[in-house]
PDB file of N, CA and C in Angstrom:
ATOM      1  N   MET A   1       0.847  -1.176   0.000  1.00  0.00           N
ATOM      2  CA  MET A   1       0.000   0.000   0.000  1.00  0.00           C
ATOM      3  C   MET A   1       0.893   1.240   0.000  1.00  0.00           C
ATOM      4  N   ASP A   2       0.561   2.196  -0.856  1.00  0.00           N
ATOM      5  CA  ASP A   2       1.358   3.415  -0.880  1.00  0.00           C
ATOM      6  C   ASP A   2       0.910   4.380   0.220  1.00  0.00           C
ATOM      7  N   TYR A   3       1.725   5.385   0.441  1.00  0.00           N
ATOM      8  CA  TYR A   3       1.491   6.336   1.527  1.00  0.00           C
ATOM      9  C   TYR A   3       0.151   7.049   1.378  1.00  0.00           C
ATOM     10  N   GLN A   4      -0.194   7.480   0.167  1.00  0.00           N
ATOM     11  CA  GLN A   4      -1.444   8.210  -0.038  1.00  0.00           C
ATOM     12  C   GLN A   4      -2.658   7.335   0.279  1.00  0.00           C
ATOM     13  N   GLU A   5      -2.589   6.061  -0.063  1.00  0.00           N
ATOM     14  CA  GLU A   5      -3.707   5.164   0.248  1.00  0.00           C
ATOM     15  C   GLU A   5      -3.844   5.000   1.761  1.00  0.00           C
ATOM     16  N   HIS A   6      -2.734   4.953   2.469  1.00  0.00           N
ATOM     17  CA  HIS A   6      -2.770   4.889   3.933  1.00  0.00           C
ATOM     18  C   HIS A   6      -3.474   6.128   4.495  1.00  0.00           C
ATOM     19  N   ILE A   7      -3.144   7.300   3.973  1.00  0.00           N
ATOM     20  CA  ILE A   7      -3.786   8.559   4.387  1.00  0.00           C
ATOM     21  C   ILE A   7      -5.277   8.505   4.079  1.00  0.00           C
ATOM     22  N   ASN A   8      -5.638   8.071   2.868  1.00  0.00           N
ATOM     23  CA  ASN A   8      -7.047   8.000   2.479  1.00  0.00           C
ATOM     24  C   ASN A   8      -7.844   7.112   3.427  1.00  0.00           C
ATOM     25  N   LYS A   9      -7.300   5.959   3.773  1.00  0.00           N
ATOM     26  CA  LYS A   9      -8.002   5.035   4.677  1.00  0.00           C
ATOM     27  C   LYS A   9      -8.211   5.668   6.053  1.00  0.00           C
ATOM     28  N   ASP A  10      -7.208   6.378   6.535  1.00  0.00           N
ATOM     29  CA  ASP A  10      -7.309   7.043   7.832  1.00  0.00           C
ATOM     30  C   ASP A  10      -8.366   8.144   7.791  1.00  0.00           C
ATOM     31  N   VAL A  11      -8.331   8.957   6.743  1.00  0.00           N
ATOM     32  CA  VAL A  11      -9.301  10.039   6.580  1.00  0.00           C
ATOM     33  C   VAL A  11     -10.722   9.481   6.534  1.00  0.00           C
ATOM     34  N   ARG A  12     -10.918   8.415   5.802  1.00  0.00           N
ATOM     35  CA  ARG A  12     -12.257   7.816   5.692  1.00  0.00           C
ATOM     36  C   ARG A  12     -12.764   7.345   7.045  1.00  0.00           C
ATOM     37  N   LEU A  13     -11.893   6.740   7.851  1.00  0.00           N
ATOM     38  CA  LEU A  13     -12.314   6.298   9.180  1.00  0.00           C
ATOM     39  C   LEU A  13     -12.654   7.496  10.066  1.00  0.00           C
ATOM     40  N   ILE A  14     -11.839   8.525  10.038  1.00  0.00           N
ATOM     41  CA  ILE A  14     -12.116   9.730  10.840  1.00  0.00           C
ATOM     42  C   ILE A  14     -13.484  10.296  10.471  1.00  0.00           C
ATOM     43  N   ILE A  15     -13.773  10.352   9.182  1.00  0.00           N
ATOM     44  CA  ILE A  15     -15.068  10.861   8.726  1.00  0.00           C
ATOM     45  C   ILE A  15     -16.203   9.992   9.262  1.00  0.00           C
ATOM     46  N   LEU A  16     -16.086   8.678   9.126  1.00  0.00           N
ATOM     47  CA  LEU A  16     -17.153   7.789   9.608  1.00  0.00           C
ATOM     48  C   LEU A  16     -17.364   7.932  11.111  1.00  0.00           C
ATOM     49  N   LYS A  17     -16.277   8.020  11.870  1.00  0.00           N
ATOM     50  CA  LYS A  17     -16.407   8.164  13.321  1.00  0.00           C
ATOM     51  C   LYS A  17     -17.053   9.505  13.685  1.00  0.00           C
ATOM     52  N   ALA A  18     -16.748  10.551  12.923  1.00  0.00           N
ATOM     53  CA  ALA A  18     -17.364  11.858  13.170  1.00  0.00           C
ATOM     54  C   ALA A  18     -18.868  11.796  12.909  1.00  0.00           C
ATOM     55  N   LEU A  19     -19.250  11.150  11.815  1.00  0.00           N
ATOM     56  CA  LEU A  19     -20.676  11.014  11.510  1.00  0.00           C
ATOM     57  C   LEU A  19     -21.374  10.184  12.591  1.00  0.00           C
ATOM     58  N   TYR A  20     -20.731   9.136  13.020  1.00  0.00           N
ATOM     59  CA  TYR A  20     -21.282   8.245  14.046  1.00  0.00           C
ATOM     60  C   TYR A  20     -21.564   8.996  15.344  1.00  0.00           C
ATOM     61  N   SER A  21     -20.748   9.992  15.647  1.00  0.00           N
ATOM     62  CA  SER A  21     -20.874  10.720  16.915  1.00  0.00           C
ATOM     63  C   SER A  21     -22.020  11.737  16.914  1.00  0.00           C
ATOM     64  N   GLN A  22     -22.625  11.971  15.761  1.00  0.00           N
ATOM     65  CA  GLN A  22     -23.707  12.951  15.662  1.00  0.00           C
ATOM     66  C   GLN A  22     -25.067  12.298  15.924  1.00  0.00           C
ATOM     67  N   ASP A  23     -25.965  13.035  16.558  1.00  0.00           N
ATOM     68  CA  ASP A  23     -27.295  12.497  16.851  1.00  0.00           C
ATOM     69  C   ASP A  23     -28.037  12.072  15.589  1.00  0.00           C
ATOM     70  N   ASP A  24     -27.850  12.832  14.496  1.00  0.00           N
ATOM     71  CA  ASP A  24     -28.534  12.503  13.240  1.00  0.00           C
ATOM     72  C   ASP A  24     -27.612  11.824  12.228  1.00  0.00           C
ATOM     73  N   TYR A  25     -26.392  11.460  12.666  1.00  0.00           N
ATOM     74  CA  TYR A  25     -25.400  10.775  11.827  1.00  0.00           C
ATOM     75  C   TYR A  25     -25.010  11.579  10.591  1.00  0.00           C
ATOM     76  N   SER A  26     -25.119  12.903  10.633  1.00  0.00           N
ATOM     77  CA  SER A  26     -24.840  13.738   9.457  1.00  0.00           C
ATOM     78  C   SER A  26     -23.931  14.913   9.802  1.00  0.00           C
ATOM     79  N   LEU A  27     -23.076  15.275   8.835  1.00  0.00           N
ATOM     80  CA  LEU A  27     -22.258  16.482   8.895  1.00  0.00           C
ATOM     81  C   LEU A  27     -22.015  16.961   7.469  1.00  0.00           C
ATOM     82  N   ASN A  28     -21.718  18.255   7.323  1.00  0.00           N
ATOM     83  CA  ASN A  28     -21.394  18.738   5.982  1.00  0.00           C
ATOM     84  C   ASN A  28     -19.888  18.727   5.759  1.00  0.00           C
ATOM     85  N   SER A  29     -19.509  18.803   4.497  1.00  0.00           N
ATOM     86  CA  SER A  29     -18.095  18.664   4.121  1.00  0.00           C
ATOM     87  C   SER A  29     -17.223  19.786   4.663  1.00  0.00           C
ATOM     88  N   SER A  30     -17.778  20.957   4.873  1.00  0.00           N
ATOM     89  CA  SER A  30     -17.003  22.058   5.438  1.00  0.00           C
ATOM     90  C   SER A  30     -16.606  21.738   6.878  1.00  0.00           C
ATOM     91  N   ILE A  31     -17.537  21.232   7.658  1.00  0.00           N
ATOM     92  CA  ILE A  31     -17.243  20.853   9.044  1.00  0.00           C
ATOM     93  C   ILE A  31     -16.276  19.680   9.071  1.00  0.00           C
ATOM     94  N   LEU A  32     -16.469  18.717   8.172  1.00  0.00           N
ATOM     95  CA  LEU A  32     -15.560  17.573   8.112  1.00  0.00           C
ATOM     96  C   LEU A  32     -14.142  18.016   7.768  1.00  0.00           C
ATOM     97  N   GLN A  33     -14.013  18.976   6.863  1.00  0.00           N
ATOM     98  CA  GLN A  33     -12.691  19.484   6.494  1.00  0.00           C
ATOM     99  C   GLN A  33     -12.000  20.088   7.717  1.00  0.00           C
ATOM    100  N   THR A  34     -12.715  20.875   8.508  1.00  0.00           N
ATOM    101  CA  THR A  34     -12.162  21.468   9.724  1.00  0.00           C
ATOM    102  C   THR A  34     -11.797  20.386  10.743  1.00  0.00           C
ATOM    103  N   LEU A  35     -12.663  19.405  10.895  1.00  0.00           N
ATOM    104  CA  LEU A  35     -12.406  18.304  11.823  1.00  0.00           C
ATOM    105  C   LEU A  35     -11.143  17.542  11.446  1.00  0.00           C
ATOM    106  N   LEU A  36     -10.949  17.281  10.159  1.00  0.00           N
ATOM    107  CA  LEU A  36      -9.768  16.549   9.702  1.00  0.00           C
ATOM    108  C   LEU A  36      -8.479  17.289  10.056  1.00  0.00           C
ATOM    109  N   GLU A  37      -8.525  18.627  10.037  1.00  0.00           N
ATOM    110  CA  GLU A  37      -7.349  19.412  10.408  1.00  0.00           C
ATOM    111  C   GLU A  37      -6.933  19.126  11.849  1.00  0.00           C
ATOM    112  N   ASN A  38      -7.901  18.852  12.729  1.00  0.00           N
ATOM    113  CA  ASN A  38      -7.592  18.512  14.125  1.00  0.00           C
ATOM    114  C   ASN A  38      -6.813  17.212  14.231  1.00  0.00           C
ATOM    115  N   TYR A  39      -6.899  16.365  13.201  1.00  0.00           N
ATOM    116  CA  TYR A  39      -6.180  15.090  13.168  1.00  0.00           C
ATOM    117  C   TYR A  39      -4.934  15.155  12.286  1.00  0.00           C
ATOM    118  N   GLY A  40      -4.548  16.351  11.892  1.00  0.00           N
ATOM    119  CA  GLY A  40      -3.331  16.520  11.112  1.00  0.00           C
ATOM    120  C   GLY A  40      -3.491  16.346   9.617  1.00  0.00           C
ATOM    121  N   HIS A  41      -4.716  16.300   9.138  1.00  0.00           N
ATOM    122  CA  HIS A  41      -4.973  16.149   7.698  1.00  0.00           C
ATOM    123  C   HIS A  41      -5.463  17.490   7.146  1.00  0.00           C
ATOM    124  N   THR A  42      -4.551  18.276   6.618  1.00  0.00           N
ATOM    125  CA  THR A  42      -4.922  19.568   6.034  1.00  0.00           C
ATOM    126  C   THR A  42      -5.147  19.366   4.543  1.00  0.00           C
ATOM    127  N   GLU A  43      -6.381  19.054   4.218  1.00  0.00           N
ATOM    128  CA  GLU A  43      -6.743  18.715   2.836  1.00  0.00           C
ATOM    129  C   GLU A  43      -7.744  19.725   2.293  1.00  0.00           C
ATOM    130  N   SER A  44      -7.853  19.791   0.984  1.00  0.00           N
ATOM    131  CA  SER A  44      -8.783  20.706   0.329  1.00  0.00           C
ATOM    132  C   SER A  44     -10.210  20.186   0.424  1.00  0.00           C
ATOM    133  N   ARG A  45     -11.155  21.064   0.179  1.00  0.00           N
ATOM    134  CA  ARG A  45     -12.568  20.667   0.143  1.00  0.00           C
ATOM    135  C   ARG A  45     -12.787  19.643  -0.958  1.00  0.00           C
ATOM    136  N   ASP A  46     -12.123  19.814  -2.114  1.00  0.00           N
ATOM    137  CA  ASP A  46     -12.247  18.833  -3.199  1.00  0.00           C
ATOM    138  C   ASP A  46     -11.796  17.445  -2.747  1.00  0.00           C
ATOM    139  N   TYR A  47     -10.707  17.392  -1.997  1.00  0.00           N
ATOM    140  CA  TYR A  47     -10.219  16.109  -1.480  1.00  0.00           C
ATOM    141  C   TYR A  47     -11.284  15.465  -0.584  1.00  0.00           C
ATOM    142  N   VAL A  48     -11.866  16.253   0.325  1.00  0.00           N
ATOM    143  CA  VAL A  48     -12.906  15.729   1.220  1.00  0.00           C
ATOM    144  C   VAL A  48     -14.091  15.236   0.398  1.00  0.00           C
ATOM    145  N   HIS A  49     -14.513  16.010  -0.594  1.00  0.00           N
ATOM    146  CA  HIS A  49     -15.623  15.593  -1.471  1.00  0.00           C
ATOM    147  C   HIS A  49     -15.292  14.284  -2.180  1.00  0.00           C
ATOM    148  N   ASN A  50     -14.058  14.164  -2.675  1.00  0.00           N
ATOM    149  CA  ASN A  50     -13.668  12.935  -3.373  1.00  0.00           C
ATOM    150  C   ASN A  50     -13.707  11.730  -2.435  1.00  0.00           C
ATOM    151  N   GLN A  51     -13.285  11.895  -1.184  1.00  0.00           N
ATOM    152  CA  GLN A  51     -13.326  10.788  -0.230  1.00  0.00           C
ATOM    153  C   GLN A  51     -14.767  10.408   0.109  1.00  0.00           C
ATOM    154  N   LEU A  52     -15.610  11.405   0.270  1.00  0.00           N
ATOM    155  CA  LEU A  52     -17.024  11.127   0.540  1.00  0.00           C
ATOM    156  C   LEU A  52     -17.673  10.397  -0.632  1.00  0.00           C
ATOM    157  N   ARG A  53     -17.395  10.872  -1.841  1.00  0.00           N
ATOM    158  CA  ARG A  53     -17.962  10.204  -3.023  1.00  0.00           C
ATOM    159  C   ARG A  53     -17.445   8.775  -3.158  1.00  0.00           C
ATOM    160  N   TRP A  54     -16.156   8.578  -2.833  1.00  0.00           N
ATOM    161  CA  TRP A  54     -15.589   7.233  -2.885  1.00  0.00           C
ATOM    162  C   TRP A  54     -16.344   6.315  -1.921  1.00  0.00           C
ATOM    163  N   MET A  55     -16.597   6.796  -0.700  1.00  0.00           N
ATOM    164  CA  MET A  55     -17.284   5.965   0.298  1.00  0.00           C
ATOM    165  C   MET A  55     -18.737   5.690  -0.077  1.00  0.00           C
ATOM    166  N   GLU A  56     -19.360   6.632  -0.760  1.00  0.00           N
ATOM    167  CA  GLU A  56     -20.739   6.407  -1.209  1.00  0.00           C
ATOM    168  C   GLU A  56     -20.762   5.401  -2.360  1.00  0.00           C
ATOM    169  N   ARG A  57     -19.895   5.591  -3.328  1.00  0.00           N
ATOM    170  CA  ARG A  57     -19.897   4.776  -4.553  1.00  0.00           C
ATOM    171  C   ARG A  57     -19.352   3.358  -4.337  1.00  0.00           C
ATOM    172  N   ASN A  58     -18.263   3.230  -3.588  1.00  0.00           N
ATOM    173  CA  ASN A  58     -17.560   1.952  -3.502  1.00  0.00           C
ATOM    174  C   ASN A  58     -17.988   1.043  -2.364  1.00  0.00           C
ATOM    175  N   VAL A  59     -18.353   1.617  -1.222  1.00  0.00           N
ATOM    176  CA  VAL A  59     -18.701   0.756  -0.080  1.00  0.00           C
ATOM    177  C   VAL A  59     -20.022   1.137   0.590  1.00  0.00           C
ATOM    178  N   GLN A  60     -20.720   2.119   0.029  1.00  0.00           N
ATOM    179  CA  GLN A  60     -22.023   2.548   0.525  1.00  0.00           C
ATOM    180  C   GLN A  60     -22.006   2.857   2.026  1.00  0.00           C
ATOM    181  N   ALA A  61     -20.921   3.475   2.499  1.00  0.00           N
ATOM    182  CA  ALA A  61     -20.782   3.818   3.916  1.00  0.00           C
ATOM    183  C   ALA A  61     -21.495   5.116   4.263  1.00  0.00           C
ATOM    184  N   VAL A  62     -21.731   5.958   3.260  1.00  0.00           N
ATOM    185  CA  VAL A  62     -22.419   7.233   3.462  1.00  0.00           C
ATOM    186  C   VAL A  62     -23.416   7.455   2.333  1.00  0.00           C
ATOM    187  N   LYS A  63     -24.383   8.317   2.616  1.00  0.00           N
ATOM    188  CA  LYS A  63     -25.310   8.804   1.604  1.00  0.00           C
ATOM    189  C   LYS A  63     -25.069  10.305   1.513  1.00  0.00           C
ATOM    190  N   LEU A  64     -24.933  10.822   0.296  1.00  0.00           N
ATOM    191  CA  LEU A  64     -24.589  12.229   0.104  1.00  0.00           C
ATOM    192  C   LEU A  64     -25.751  13.025  -0.467  1.00  0.00           C
ATOM    193  N   THR A  65     -25.837  14.275  -0.017  1.00  0.00           N
ATOM    194  CA  THR A  65     -26.796  15.232  -0.536  1.00  0.00           C
ATOM    195  C   THR A  65     -26.050  16.530  -0.803  1.00  0.00           C
ATOM    196  N   GLN A  66     -26.239  17.103  -1.985  1.00  0.00           N
ATOM    197  CA  GLN A  66     -25.612  18.384  -2.324  1.00  0.00           C
ATOM    198  C   GLN A  66     -26.420  19.502  -1.677  1.00  0.00           C
ATOM    199  N   ALA A  67     -25.741  20.432  -1.013  1.00  0.00           N
ATOM    200  CA  ALA A  67     -26.387  21.604  -0.411  1.00  0.00           C
ATOM    201  C   ALA A  67     -25.523  22.812  -0.735  1.00  0.00           C
ATOM    202  N   GLY A  68     -25.805  23.448  -1.833  1.00  0.00           N
ATOM    203  CA  GLY A  68     -24.971  24.563  -2.275  1.00  0.00           C
ATOM    204  C   GLY A  68     -23.595  24.061  -2.655  1.00  0.00           C
ATOM    205  N   THR A  69     -22.563  24.619  -2.028  1.00  0.00           N
ATOM    206  CA  THR A  69     -21.191  24.229  -2.352  1.00  0.00           C
ATOM    207  C   THR A  69     -20.664  23.101  -1.466  1.00  0.00           C
ATOM    208  N   VAL A  70     -21.472  22.629  -0.526  1.00  0.00           N
ATOM    209  CA  VAL A  70     -21.034  21.558   0.358  1.00  0.00           C
ATOM    210  C   VAL A  70     -21.817  20.279   0.085  1.00  0.00           C
ATOM    211  N   LEU A  71     -21.243  19.171   0.523  1.00  0.00           N
ATOM    212  CA  LEU A  71     -21.946  17.889   0.521  1.00  0.00           C
ATOM    213  C   LEU A  71     -22.317  17.576   1.958  1.00  0.00           C
ATOM    214  N   VAL A  72     -23.546  17.126   2.156  1.00  0.00           N
ATOM    215  CA  VAL A  72     -23.967  16.647   3.470  1.00  0.00           C
ATOM    216  C   VAL A  72     -23.868  15.131   3.431  1.00  0.00           C
ATOM    217  N   ALA A  73     -23.076  14.589   4.339  1.00  0.00           N
ATOM    218  CA  ALA A  73     -22.875  13.144   4.414  1.00  0.00           C
ATOM    219  C   ALA A  73     -23.672  12.592   5.586  1.00  0.00           C
ATOM    220  N   THR A  74     -24.376  11.494   5.323  1.00  0.00           N
ATOM    221  CA  THR A  74     -25.119  10.791   6.365  1.00  0.00           C
ATOM    222  C   THR A  74     -24.619   9.360   6.415  1.00  0.00           C
ATOM    223  N   LEU A  75     -24.311   8.905   7.608  1.00  0.00           N
ATOM    224  CA  LEU A  75     -23.817   7.550   7.815  1.00  0.00           C
ATOM    225  C   LEU A  75     -24.905   6.533   7.475  1.00  0.00           C
ATOM    226  N   THR A  76     -24.539   5.488   6.757  1.00  0.00           N
ATOM    227  CA  THR A  76     -25.467   4.405   6.447  1.00  0.00           C
ATOM    228  C   THR A  76     -25.280   3.270   7.456  1.00  0.00           C
ATOM    229  N   SER A  77     -26.125   2.272   7.355  1.00  0.00           N
ATOM    230  CA  SER A  77     -25.968   1.121   8.255  1.00  0.00           C
ATOM    231  C   SER A  77     -24.640   0.413   8.001  1.00  0.00           C
ATOM    232  N   ALA A  78     -24.177   0.373   6.744  1.00  0.00           N
ATOM    233  CA  ALA A  78     -22.880  -0.242   6.444  1.00  0.00           C
ATOM    234  C   ALA A  78     -21.750   0.531   7.122  1.00  0.00           C
ATOM    235  N   GLY A  79     -21.808   1.857   7.077  1.00  0.00           N
ATOM    236  CA  GLY A  79     -20.796   2.680   7.742  1.00  0.00           C
ATOM    237  C   GLY A  79     -20.835   2.507   9.250  1.00  0.00           C
ATOM    238  N   ARG A  80     -22.032   2.445   9.807  1.00  0.00           N
ATOM    239  CA  ARG A  80     -22.177   2.245  11.248  1.00  0.00           C
ATOM    240  C   ARG A  80     -21.616   0.878  11.668  1.00  0.00           C
ATOM    241  N   ASP A  81     -21.901  -0.142  10.888  1.00  0.00           N
ATOM    242  CA  ASP A  81     -21.382  -1.478  11.193  1.00  0.00           C
ATOM    243  C   ASP A  81     -19.854  -1.494  11.184  1.00  0.00           C
ATOM    244  N   HIS A  82     -19.235  -0.725  10.281  1.00  0.00           N
ATOM    245  CA  HIS A  82     -17.771  -0.657  10.242  1.00  0.00           C
ATOM    246  C   HIS A  82     -17.237   0.007  11.516  1.00  0.00           C
ATOM    247  N   VAL A  83     -17.817   1.137  11.901  1.00  0.00           N
ATOM    248  CA  VAL A  83     -17.360   1.852  13.093  1.00  0.00           C
ATOM    249  C   VAL A  83     -17.543   0.987  14.343  1.00  0.00           C
ATOM    250  N   GLU A  84     -18.632   0.235  14.384  1.00  0.00           N
ATOM    251  CA  GLU A  84     -18.910  -0.613  15.545  1.00  0.00           C
ATOM    252  C   GLU A  84     -18.204  -1.967  15.461  1.00  0.00           C
ATOM    253  N   ARG A  85     -17.396  -2.167  14.412  1.00  0.00           N
ATOM    254  CA  ARG A  85     -16.591  -3.379  14.206  1.00  0.00           C
ATOM    255  C   ARG A  85     -17.441  -4.639  14.003  1.00  0.00           C
ATOM    256  N   ARG A  86     -18.648  -4.495  13.482  1.00  0.00           N
ATOM    257  CA  ARG A  86     -19.481  -5.656  13.162  1.00  0.00           C
ATOM    258  C   ARG A  86     -19.231  -6.149  11.746  1.00  0.00           C
ATOM    259  N   ALA A  87     -18.667  -5.265  10.934  1.00  0.00           N
ATOM    260  CA  ALA A  87     -18.341  -5.602   9.539  1.00  0.00           C
ATOM    261  C   ALA A  87     -17.105  -4.803   9.171  1.00  0.00           C
ATOM    262  N   ARG A  88     -16.478  -5.200   8.087  1.00  0.00           N
ATOM    263  CA  ARG A  88     -15.265  -4.499   7.642  1.00  0.00           C
ATOM    264  C   ARG A  88     -15.466  -4.011   6.220  1.00  0.00           C
ATOM    265  N   LEU A  89     -15.227  -2.722   6.009  1.00  0.00           N
ATOM    266  CA  LEU A  89     -15.328  -2.139   4.678  1.00  0.00           C
ATOM    267  C   LEU A  89     -13.926  -1.972   4.113  1.00  0.00           C
ATOM    268  N   GLU A  90     -13.709  -2.554   2.959  1.00  0.00           N
ATOM    269  CA  GLU A  90     -12.416  -2.456   2.280  1.00  0.00           C
ATOM    270  C   GLU A  90     -12.153  -1.000   1.916  1.00  0.00           C
ATOM    271  N   GLY A  91     -10.900  -0.559   2.126  1.00  0.00           N
ATOM    272  CA  GLY A  91     -10.518   0.799   1.757  1.00  0.00           C
ATOM    273  C   GLY A  91     -10.705   1.816   2.866  1.00  0.00           C
ATOM    274  N   ILE A  92     -11.145   1.340   4.043  1.00  0.00           N
ATOM    275  CA  ILE A  92     -11.310   2.220   5.214  1.00  0.00           C
ATOM    276  C   ILE A  92     -10.544   1.570   6.361  1.00  0.00           C
ATOM    277  N   LYS A  93      -9.740   2.364   7.048  1.00  0.00           N
ATOM    278  CA  LYS A  93      -8.969   1.853   8.165  1.00  0.00           C
ATOM    279  C   LYS A  93      -9.891   1.187   9.183  1.00  0.00           C
ATOM    280  N   ARG A  94      -9.432   0.103   9.730  1.00  0.00           N
ATOM    281  CA  ARG A  94     -10.224  -0.595  10.736  1.00  0.00           C
ATOM    282  C   ARG A  94     -10.156   0.178  12.054  1.00  0.00           C
ATOM    283  N   PRO A  95     -11.295   0.398  12.695  1.00  0.00           N
ATOM    284  CA  PRO A  95     -11.272   1.135  13.958  1.00  0.00           C
ATOM    285  C   PRO A  95     -10.645   0.302  15.077  1.00  0.00           C
ATOM    286  N   SER A  96     -10.070   1.001  16.043  1.00  0.00           N
ATOM    287  CA  SER A  96      -9.549   0.311  17.223  1.00  0.00           C
ATOM    288  C   SER A  96     -10.739  -0.222  18.013  1.00  0.00           C
ATOM    289  N   PRO A  97     -10.515  -1.116  18.968  1.00  0.00           N
ATOM    290  CA  PRO A  97     -11.631  -1.683  19.721  1.00  0.00           C
ATOM    291  C   PRO A  97     -12.499  -0.654  20.436  1.00  0.00           C
ATOM    292  N   GLU A  98     -11.925   0.465  20.850  1.00  0.00           N
ATOM    293  CA  GLU A  98     -12.733   1.529  21.455  1.00  0.00           C
ATOM    294  C   GLU A  98     -13.278   2.406  20.348  1.00  0.00           C
ATOM    295  N   VAL A  99     -14.569   2.663  20.372  1.00  0.00           N
ATOM    296  CA  VAL A  99     -15.187   3.492  19.315  1.00  0.00           C
ATOM    297  C   VAL A  99     -14.909   4.937  19.569  1.00  0.00           C
TER     298      VAL A  99
END
């Protein structure tokens, strides 16, 4: 695995865990971009959008809705199962035993 793929997997897990922590399982891409900076990932909005689209298209971990210039991501049951370690989604870092 190359370095960028390692970063992508980590970013995807951070996003899923952030969505999981919300009462409605949803956040917009602008908030996610700011949150990722707290974990040392200073990425562009386009990068965040591409990761969200990847998770929607490839593993159905999120459902996306366009709202102006941002994407609103909502965690799906597949994404929740990954965060809770009941299932494993390829291309997303596996969460540690503590959620």
